[in-house]
Amino acid sequence: MNLAVEQSLATWLQNLPAFDGIAIHTGQSNAEIPGDAPSIIAACESVEAMSTTLHKATAAILLSTPSTQDIEQHRQLVDSLRSSLYAATALANAFTPAATLLGADLQTFTESQTDDRWLCTAQLTLGLAAI
């Protein structure tokens, strides 16, 4: 179910106009992540069965831009991610009937910098009904 959650988050992000042209990957993807352009990774860290059909998923969205890029461009992407997560009404539509999204809670939203990348990480808890 981890891959289904990652793919659903990636689909939702790909459909947001703010991220047109940005590479969006899943945590289980083997695609090469470009080092010279912004990228987003949708990862599902764990799925816990609460009952036979109710699951709790811990997921993360990582936004990464090269530090050679103007910080204002990174800030715009961060602001777009934050506002998209707060108004995630279309998020449930990205999930398949096999794993229906019941609710999402933004746990943390952090920003940092490494030697060569600006980073923003959103940690989510998702409630899922699986059939």
N, C-alpha and C. Protein backbone atom coordinates (compact mmCIF):
# COMPACT_ATOMS: atom_id res chain seq x y z
N MET A 1 0.82 -1.19 0.00
CA MET A 1 0.00 0.00 0.00
C MET A 1 0.87 1.26 0.00
N ASN A 2 2.14 1.14 0.42
CA ASN A 2 3.02 2.31 0.44
C ASN A 2 3.14 2.94 -0.94
N LEU A 3 3.35 2.09 -1.96
CA LEU A 3 3.50 2.59 -3.32
C LEU A 3 2.22 3.27 -3.80
N ALA A 4 1.07 2.73 -3.45
CA ALA A 4 -0.20 3.35 -3.85
C ALA A 4 -0.34 4.74 -3.25
N VAL A 5 0.07 4.90 -2.00
CA VAL A 5 0.01 6.21 -1.35
C VAL A 5 0.96 7.18 -2.05
N GLU A 6 2.19 6.72 -2.32
CA GLU A 6 3.17 7.57 -2.99
C GLU A 6 2.68 8.00 -4.37
N GLN A 7 2.15 7.06 -5.13
CA GLN A 7 1.66 7.38 -6.47
C GLN A 7 0.48 8.34 -6.42
N SER A 8 -0.38 8.19 -5.43
CA SER A 8 -1.53 9.09 -5.29
C SER A 8 -1.07 10.51 -4.95
N LEU A 9 -0.12 10.63 -4.03
CA LEU A 9 0.42 11.95 -3.70
C LEU A 9 1.11 12.58 -4.90
N ALA A 10 1.89 11.78 -5.64
CA ALA A 10 2.59 12.29 -6.83
C ALA A 10 1.59 12.75 -7.89
N THR A 11 0.52 11.99 -8.09
CA THR A 11 -0.51 12.38 -9.06
C THR A 11 -1.15 13.69 -8.66
N TRP A 12 -1.46 13.85 -7.40
CA TRP A 12 -2.06 15.09 -6.91
C TRP A 12 -1.12 16.27 -7.16
N LEU A 13 0.16 16.10 -6.83
CA LEU A 13 1.14 17.17 -7.02
C LEU A 13 1.31 17.51 -8.51
N GLN A 14 1.31 16.49 -9.37
CA GLN A 14 1.47 16.72 -10.81
C GLN A 14 0.31 17.51 -11.39
N ASN A 15 -0.84 17.43 -10.76
CA ASN A 15 -2.02 18.14 -11.25
C ASN A 15 -2.14 19.56 -10.72
N LEU A 16 -1.21 19.97 -9.86
CA LEU A 16 -1.23 21.33 -9.33
C LEU A 16 -0.46 22.25 -10.26
N PRO A 17 -1.07 23.32 -10.75
CA PRO A 17 -0.40 24.23 -11.68
C PRO A 17 0.91 24.81 -11.15
N ALA A 18 1.02 24.98 -9.85
CA ALA A 18 2.23 25.57 -9.26
C ALA A 18 3.47 24.73 -9.51
N PHE A 19 3.28 23.44 -9.81
CA PHE A 19 4.43 22.55 -9.97
C PHE A 19 4.61 22.05 -11.40
N ASP A 20 4.02 22.76 -12.36
CA ASP A 20 4.23 22.43 -13.77
C ASP A 20 5.72 22.50 -14.09
N GLY A 21 6.21 21.50 -14.76
CA GLY A 21 7.62 21.48 -15.17
C GLY A 21 8.59 21.02 -14.11
N ILE A 22 8.10 20.69 -12.93
CA ILE A 22 8.98 20.22 -11.85
C ILE A 22 8.91 18.70 -11.80
N ALA A 23 10.07 18.07 -11.72
CA ALA A 23 10.13 16.60 -11.64
C ALA A 23 9.53 16.15 -10.31
N ILE A 24 8.55 15.25 -10.40
CA ILE A 24 7.91 14.71 -9.20
C ILE A 24 8.15 13.21 -9.19
N HIS A 25 8.75 12.74 -8.12
CA HIS A 25 9.13 11.33 -7.99
C HIS A 25 8.42 10.71 -6.79
N THR A 26 8.38 9.39 -6.78
CA THR A 26 7.92 8.68 -5.59
C THR A 26 9.15 8.16 -4.86
N GLY A 27 8.99 7.89 -3.60
CA GLY A 27 10.10 7.40 -2.79
C GLY A 27 10.65 6.07 -3.28
N GLN A 28 9.82 5.27 -3.95
CA GLN A 28 10.24 3.97 -4.43
C GLN A 28 10.63 4.00 -5.91
N SER A 29 10.74 5.19 -6.48
CA SER A 29 11.11 5.33 -7.88
C SER A 29 12.61 5.10 -8.07
N ASN A 30 12.97 4.53 -9.20
CA ASN A 30 14.39 4.38 -9.50
C ASN A 30 14.84 5.42 -10.51
N ALA A 31 13.99 6.40 -10.80
CA ALA A 31 14.33 7.47 -11.74
C ALA A 31 15.41 8.37 -11.13
N GLU A 32 16.28 8.87 -11.99
CA GLU A 32 17.34 9.76 -11.53
C GLU A 32 16.75 11.12 -11.19
N ILE A 33 17.14 11.64 -10.05
CA ILE A 33 16.66 12.95 -9.60
C ILE A 33 17.66 13.99 -10.06
N PRO A 34 17.21 14.98 -10.82
CA PRO A 34 18.15 15.98 -11.35
C PRO A 34 18.76 16.83 -10.23
N GLY A 35 20.05 17.06 -10.31
CA GLY A 35 20.72 17.86 -9.28
C GLY A 35 20.71 19.34 -9.56
N ASP A 36 20.33 19.73 -10.78
CA ASP A 36 20.41 21.13 -11.16
C ASP A 36 19.04 21.78 -11.33
N ALA A 37 17.98 21.12 -10.87
CA ALA A 37 16.63 21.64 -11.03
C ALA A 37 15.80 21.29 -9.79
N PRO A 38 14.72 22.02 -9.58
CA PRO A 38 13.83 21.67 -8.46
C PRO A 38 13.24 20.28 -8.67
N SER A 39 12.97 19.59 -7.58
CA SER A 39 12.31 18.29 -7.64
C SER A 39 11.48 18.10 -6.39
N ILE A 40 10.51 17.21 -6.52
CA ILE A 40 9.64 16.87 -5.39
C ILE A 40 9.61 15.36 -5.28
N ILE A 41 9.70 14.88 -4.05
CA ILE A 41 9.61 13.45 -3.78
C ILE A 41 8.43 13.22 -2.85
N ALA A 42 7.52 12.33 -3.25
CA ALA A 42 6.40 11.91 -2.41
C ALA A 42 6.74 10.53 -1.87
N ALA A 43 6.86 10.42 -0.57
CA ALA A 43 7.27 9.16 0.05
C ALA A 43 6.28 8.74 1.12
N CYS A 44 6.05 7.45 1.19
CA CYS A 44 5.21 6.89 2.25
C CYS A 44 6.13 6.07 3.15
N GLU A 45 6.31 6.53 4.36
CA GLU A 45 7.23 5.89 5.28
C GLU A 45 6.66 4.62 5.89
N SER A 46 5.36 4.63 6.18
CA SER A 46 4.75 3.44 6.79
C SER A 46 3.24 3.48 6.62
N VAL A 47 2.67 2.29 6.64
CA VAL A 47 1.21 2.14 6.67
C VAL A 47 0.90 1.16 7.79
N GLU A 48 0.07 1.60 8.71
CA GLU A 48 -0.28 0.79 9.87
C GLU A 48 -1.75 0.41 9.79
N ALA A 49 -2.03 -0.88 9.90
CA ALA A 49 -3.42 -1.35 9.88
C ALA A 49 -4.04 -1.10 11.26
N MET A 50 -5.08 -0.30 11.28
CA MET A 50 -5.79 -0.01 12.53
C MET A 50 -6.93 -1.02 12.74
N SER A 51 -7.44 -1.54 11.62
CA SER A 51 -8.45 -2.61 11.60
C SER A 51 -8.31 -3.29 10.25
N THR A 52 -9.24 -4.14 9.91
CA THR A 52 -9.12 -4.85 8.62
C THR A 52 -9.25 -3.92 7.43
N THR A 53 -9.95 -2.81 7.58
CA THR A 53 -10.13 -1.90 6.44
C THR A 53 -9.63 -0.48 6.70
N LEU A 54 -9.28 -0.13 7.92
CA LEU A 54 -8.83 1.22 8.25
C LEU A 54 -7.32 1.22 8.46
N HIS A 55 -6.62 2.14 7.77
CA HIS A 55 -5.17 2.22 7.85
C HIS A 55 -4.73 3.66 8.12
N LYS A 56 -3.59 3.77 8.77
CA LYS A 56 -2.98 5.07 9.03
C LYS A 56 -1.63 5.07 8.33
N ALA A 57 -1.43 6.04 7.43
CA ALA A 57 -0.18 6.13 6.68
C ALA A 57 0.60 7.36 7.14
N THR A 58 1.89 7.21 7.24
CA THR A 58 2.79 8.32 7.51
C THR A 58 3.52 8.60 6.20
N ALA A 59 3.36 9.81 5.70
CA ALA A 59 3.93 10.16 4.40
C ALA A 59 4.68 11.48 4.50
N ALA A 60 5.51 11.73 3.52
CA ALA A 60 6.27 12.98 3.46
C ALA A 60 6.33 13.47 2.03
N ILE A 61 6.35 14.77 1.90
CA ILE A 61 6.60 15.42 0.61
C ILE A 61 7.85 16.27 0.80
N LEU A 62 8.86 15.99 0.01
CA LEU A 62 10.13 16.70 0.09
C LEU A 62 10.30 17.55 -1.16
N LEU A 63 10.40 18.85 -0.98
CA LEU A 63 10.66 19.79 -2.06
C LEU A 63 12.12 20.20 -1.97
N SER A 64 12.84 20.04 -3.06
CA SER A 64 14.28 20.31 -3.06
C SER A 64 14.63 21.16 -4.28
N THR A 65 15.34 22.25 -4.05
CA THR A 65 15.82 23.08 -5.16
C THR A 65 17.31 23.34 -4.96
N PRO A 66 18.05 23.48 -6.06
CA PRO A 66 19.48 23.76 -5.92
C PRO A 66 19.70 25.13 -5.29
N SER A 67 20.69 25.24 -4.42
CA SER A 67 20.94 26.52 -3.74
C SER A 67 21.50 27.56 -4.70
N THR A 68 21.87 27.14 -5.92
CA THR A 68 22.30 28.11 -6.94
C THR A 68 21.10 28.84 -7.53
N GLN A 69 19.91 28.30 -7.31
CA GLN A 69 18.69 28.95 -7.78
C GLN A 69 18.36 30.10 -6.84
N ASP A 70 17.74 31.11 -7.36
CA ASP A 70 17.35 32.26 -6.56
C ASP A 70 16.45 31.81 -5.41
N ILE A 71 16.74 32.27 -4.22
CA ILE A 71 15.98 31.86 -3.03
C ILE A 71 14.51 32.26 -3.17
N GLU A 72 14.22 33.33 -3.88
CA GLU A 72 12.82 33.75 -4.07
C GLU A 72 12.03 32.72 -4.87
N GLN A 73 12.67 32.08 -5.85
CA GLN A 73 11.99 31.04 -6.60
C GLN A 73 11.68 29.85 -5.69
N HIS A 74 12.63 29.51 -4.83
CA HIS A 74 12.39 28.43 -3.87
C HIS A 74 11.26 28.81 -2.92
N ARG A 75 11.26 30.04 -2.43
CA ARG A 75 10.22 30.50 -1.51
C ARG A 75 8.84 30.41 -2.16
N GLN A 76 8.74 30.73 -3.44
CA GLN A 76 7.46 30.64 -4.14
C GLN A 76 6.98 29.19 -4.19
N LEU A 77 7.90 28.26 -4.45
CA LEU A 77 7.52 26.84 -4.47
C LEU A 77 7.10 26.38 -3.08
N VAL A 78 7.81 26.80 -2.05
CA VAL A 78 7.47 26.44 -0.66
C VAL A 78 6.09 26.98 -0.31
N ASP A 79 5.85 28.24 -0.66
CA ASP A 79 4.54 28.84 -0.37
C ASP A 79 3.42 28.11 -1.12
N SER A 80 3.70 27.70 -2.36
CA SER A 80 2.71 26.95 -3.14
C SER A 80 2.42 25.60 -2.51
N LEU A 81 3.47 24.92 -2.03
CA LEU A 81 3.27 23.63 -1.38
C LEU A 81 2.46 23.80 -0.11
N ARG A 82 2.82 24.77 0.70
CA ARG A 82 2.10 25.01 1.96
C ARG A 82 0.62 25.32 1.70
N SER A 83 0.35 26.24 0.79
CA SER A 83 -1.05 26.60 0.53
C SER A 83 -1.82 25.44 -0.10
N SER A 84 -1.15 24.64 -0.93
CA SER A 84 -1.80 23.47 -1.52
C SER A 84 -2.16 22.45 -0.45
N LEU A 85 -1.30 22.26 0.52
CA LEU A 85 -1.58 21.30 1.59
C LEU A 85 -2.71 21.78 2.50
N TYR A 86 -2.79 23.09 2.72
CA TYR A 86 -3.87 23.61 3.55
C TYR A 86 -5.21 23.59 2.85
N ALA A 87 -5.20 23.60 1.52
CA ALA A 87 -6.44 23.59 0.73
C ALA A 87 -6.47 22.35 -0.14
N ALA A 88 -6.21 21.20 0.44
CA ALA A 88 -6.04 19.96 -0.32
C ALA A 88 -7.38 19.27 -0.60
N THR A 89 -8.33 20.01 -1.10
CA THR A 89 -9.64 19.43 -1.36
C THR A 89 -9.61 18.38 -2.47
N ALA A 90 -8.71 18.52 -3.44
CA ALA A 90 -8.63 17.57 -4.55
C ALA A 90 -7.73 16.37 -4.23
N LEU A 91 -7.11 16.37 -3.07
CA LEU A 91 -6.20 15.28 -2.72
C LEU A 91 -6.91 13.93 -2.71
N ALA A 92 -8.11 13.88 -2.18
CA ALA A 92 -8.83 12.60 -2.10
C ALA A 92 -9.11 12.03 -3.49
N ASN A 93 -9.29 12.90 -4.49
CA ASN A 93 -9.56 12.42 -5.84
C ASN A 93 -8.37 11.71 -6.46
N ALA A 94 -7.18 11.93 -5.96
CA ALA A 94 -5.97 11.30 -6.51
C ALA A 94 -5.80 9.86 -6.02
N PHE A 95 -6.55 9.49 -4.99
CA PHE A 95 -6.44 8.13 -4.46
C PHE A 95 -7.36 7.19 -5.21
N THR A 96 -6.96 5.95 -5.31
CA THR A 96 -7.74 4.94 -6.03
C THR A 96 -8.84 4.40 -5.11
N PRO A 97 -9.86 3.79 -5.70
CA PRO A 97 -10.91 3.19 -4.86
C PRO A 97 -10.37 2.11 -3.91
N ALA A 98 -9.25 1.49 -4.27
CA ALA A 98 -8.68 0.45 -3.41
C ALA A 98 -8.10 1.03 -2.12
N ALA A 99 -7.76 2.31 -2.13
CA ALA A 99 -7.24 2.98 -0.94
C ALA A 99 -7.84 4.38 -0.90
N THR A 100 -9.02 4.49 -0.32
CA THR A 100 -9.75 5.75 -0.28
C THR A 100 -9.22 6.62 0.86
N LEU A 101 -8.91 7.87 0.53
CA LEU A 101 -8.44 8.80 1.55
C LEU A 101 -9.61 9.29 2.39
N LEU A 102 -9.52 9.08 3.70
CA LEU A 102 -10.57 9.52 4.62
C LEU A 102 -10.24 10.88 5.23
N GLY A 103 -8.96 11.16 5.36
CA GLY A 103 -8.54 12.43 5.95
C GLY A 103 -7.04 12.57 5.92
N ALA A 104 -6.58 13.82 6.01
CA ALA A 104 -5.15 14.11 6.00
C ALA A 104 -4.86 15.17 7.05
N ASP A 105 -3.74 14.99 7.74
CA ASP A 105 -3.33 15.95 8.77
C ASP A 105 -1.87 16.31 8.53
N LEU A 106 -1.60 17.59 8.37
CA LEU A 106 -0.23 18.07 8.22
C LEU A 106 0.41 18.11 9.60
N GLN A 107 1.39 17.24 9.84
CA GLN A 107 2.04 17.15 11.14
C GLN A 107 3.14 18.20 11.32
N THR A 108 4.05 18.27 10.35
CA THR A 108 5.14 19.25 10.42
C THR A 108 5.42 19.79 9.03
N PHE A 109 5.97 20.98 9.00
CA PHE A 109 6.37 21.63 7.76
C PHE A 109 7.69 22.33 8.07
N THR A 110 8.79 21.76 7.62
CA THR A 110 10.10 22.28 7.99
C THR A 110 10.90 22.70 6.77
N GLU A 111 11.80 23.63 6.98
CA GLU A 111 12.70 24.09 5.93
C GLU A 111 14.12 24.02 6.43
N SER A 112 15.04 23.71 5.49
CA SER A 112 16.45 23.62 5.84
C SER A 112 17.29 23.83 4.60
N GLN A 113 18.60 23.81 4.80
CA GLN A 113 19.52 23.94 3.67
C GLN A 113 20.71 23.03 3.90
N THR A 114 21.12 22.33 2.85
CA THR A 114 22.37 21.58 2.88
C THR A 114 23.39 22.42 2.11
N ASP A 115 24.54 21.86 1.85
CA ASP A 115 25.56 22.60 1.13
C ASP A 115 25.11 23.07 -0.25
N ASP A 116 24.27 22.26 -0.91
CA ASP A 116 23.92 22.59 -2.29
C ASP A 116 22.43 22.56 -2.59
N ARG A 117 21.56 22.38 -1.59
CA ARG A 117 20.12 22.30 -1.83
C ARG A 117 19.34 23.07 -0.76
N TRP A 118 18.26 23.72 -1.21
CA TRP A 118 17.24 24.24 -0.30
C TRP A 118 16.22 23.12 -0.14
N LEU A 119 15.79 22.84 1.08
CA LEU A 119 14.87 21.73 1.33
C LEU A 119 13.64 22.20 2.10
N CYS A 120 12.52 21.57 1.79
CA CYS A 120 11.28 21.79 2.53
C CYS A 120 10.62 20.42 2.66
N THR A 121 10.25 20.05 3.88
CA THR A 121 9.64 18.75 4.12
C THR A 121 8.31 18.91 4.83
N ALA A 122 7.29 18.30 4.25
CA ALA A 122 5.96 18.26 4.87
C ALA A 122 5.70 16.83 5.31
N GLN A 123 5.46 16.61 6.60
CA GLN A 123 5.13 15.30 7.14
C GLN A 123 3.61 15.23 7.32
N LEU A 124 3.01 14.15 6.78
CA LEU A 124 1.57 14.00 6.79
C LEU A 124 1.15 12.70 7.47
N THR A 125 0.01 12.73 8.09
CA THR A 125 -0.65 11.51 8.54
C THR A 125 -1.94 11.39 7.73
N LEU A 126 -2.12 10.24 7.11
CA LEU A 126 -3.28 10.02 6.25
C LEU A 126 -4.13 8.88 6.80
N GLY A 127 -5.43 9.08 6.81
CA GLY A 127 -6.36 8.01 7.15
C GLY A 127 -6.89 7.40 5.86
N LEU A 128 -6.79 6.08 5.75
CA LEU A 128 -7.18 5.38 4.53
C LEU A 128 -8.15 4.26 4.82
N ALA A 129 -9.12 4.10 3.94
CA ALA A 129 -10.00 2.94 3.98
C ALA A 129 -9.59 2.06 2.81
N ALA A 130 -9.16 0.85 3.09
CA ALA A 130 -8.72 -0.06 2.04
C ALA A 130 -9.73 -1.18 1.88
N ILE A 131 -9.91 -1.61 0.63
CA ILE A 131 -10.82 -2.73 0.38
C ILE A 131 -10.03 -3.95 -0.06
